[in-house]
C-alpha atoms as a PDB file:
ATOM      1  CA  UNK A   1       0.374  -0.090   0.004  1.00  0.00           C
ATOM      2  CA  UNK A   2       3.024   2.625   0.733  1.00  0.00           C
ATOM      3  CA  UNK A   3       4.099   1.878  -2.875  1.00  0.00           C
ATOM      4  CA  UNK A   4       1.105   2.665  -4.249  1.00  0.00           C
ATOM      5  CA  UNK A   5       1.358   5.776  -2.431  1.00  0.00           C
ATOM      6  CA  UNK A   6      -0.636   5.315   0.593  1.00  0.00           C
ATOM      7  CA  UNK A   7       0.627   7.246   3.476  1.00  0.00           C
ATOM      8  CA  UNK A   8       1.212   4.851   6.947  1.00  0.00           C
ATOM      9  CA  UNK A   9      -1.765   7.435   8.287  1.00  0.00           C
ATOM     10  CA  UNK A  10      -4.193   6.097   5.598  1.00  0.00           C
ATOM     11  CA  UNK A  11      -3.231   2.311   6.676  1.00  0.00           C
ATOM     12  CA  UNK A  12      -3.618   2.859  10.182  1.00  0.00           C
ATOM     13  CA  UNK A  13      -7.269   4.203   9.682  1.00  0.00           C
ATOM     14  CA  UNK A  14      -8.343   1.255   7.536  1.00  0.00           C
ATOM     15  CA  UNK A  15      -6.472  -1.253   9.501  1.00  0.00           C
ATOM     16  CA  UNK A  16      -6.883  -0.009  13.113  1.00  0.00           C
ATOM     17  CA  UNK A  17      -5.436  -2.784  14.882  1.00  0.00           C
ATOM     18  CA  UNK A  18      -1.938  -2.049  13.325  1.00  0.00           C
ATOM     19  CA  UNK A  19       0.765   0.656  15.207  1.00  0.00           C
ATOM     20  CA  UNK A  20       3.235   3.132  13.172  1.00  0.00           C
ATOM     21  CA  UNK A  21       5.645   0.352  14.430  1.00  0.00           C
ATOM     22  CA  UNK A  22       3.956  -2.547  12.712  1.00  0.00           C
ATOM     23  CA  UNK A  23       4.314  -0.152   9.351  1.00  0.00           C
ATOM     24  CA  UNK A  24       8.193   0.538  10.228  1.00  0.00           C
ATOM     25  CA  UNK A  25       8.795  -3.412  10.742  1.00  0.00           C
ATOM     26  CA  UNK A  26       7.309  -4.497   7.207  1.00  0.00           C
ATOM     27  CA  UNK A  27       9.447  -1.132   6.120  1.00  0.00           C
ATOM     28  CA  UNK A  28      12.845  -2.796   7.301  1.00  0.00           C
ATOM     29  CA  UNK A  29      11.871  -6.475   6.482  1.00  0.00           C
ATOM     30  CA  UNK A  30      11.182  -5.400   2.859  1.00  0.00           C
ATOM     31  CA  UNK A  31      14.862  -3.650   2.963  1.00  0.00           C
ATOM     32  CA  UNK A  32      16.516  -6.760   3.867  1.00  0.00           C
ATOM     33  CA  UNK A  33      14.716  -8.122   1.193  1.00  0.00           C
ATOM     34  CA  UNK A  34      15.498  -6.320  -1.859  1.00  0.00           C
ATOM     35  CA  UNK A  35      18.368  -4.229  -0.344  1.00  0.00           C
ATOM     36  CA  UNK A  36      21.210  -5.754  -2.104  1.00  0.00           C
ATOM     37  CA  UNK A  37      19.123  -6.128  -5.403  1.00  0.00           C
ATOM     38  CA  UNK A  38      21.100  -4.464  -8.525  1.00  0.00           C
ATOM     39  CA  UNK A  39      18.739  -3.204 -10.752  1.00  0.00           C
ATOM     40  CA  UNK A  40      19.547  -2.684 -14.365  1.00  0.00           C
ATOM     41  CA  UNK A  41      18.130  -0.075 -16.204  1.00  0.00           C
ATOM     42  CA  UNK A  42      16.423  -1.081 -19.803  1.00  0.00           C
ATOM     43  CA  UNK A  43      18.032   0.665 -22.564  1.00  0.00           C
ATOM     44  CA  UNK A  44      15.926   0.480 -26.191  1.00  0.00           C
ATOM     45  CA  UNK A  45      18.060   1.240 -28.908  1.00  0.00           C
ATOM     46  CA  UNK A  46      16.589   3.016 -31.968  1.00  0.00           C
ATOM     47  CA  UNK A  47      17.536   1.904 -35.693  1.00  0.00           C
ATOM     48  CA  UNK A  48      18.303   5.550 -36.590  1.00  0.00           C
END
């Protein structure tokens, strides 16, 4: 939901059993999963 643009406050309104620390923990977990991934840009060469 954060990646889609929702704010932590919006998420907390929709899921009142969560706390801000829950969202922070999810962000730490996601960072550990993808923190070392390397993303190469896709380059499209034109025939010009």
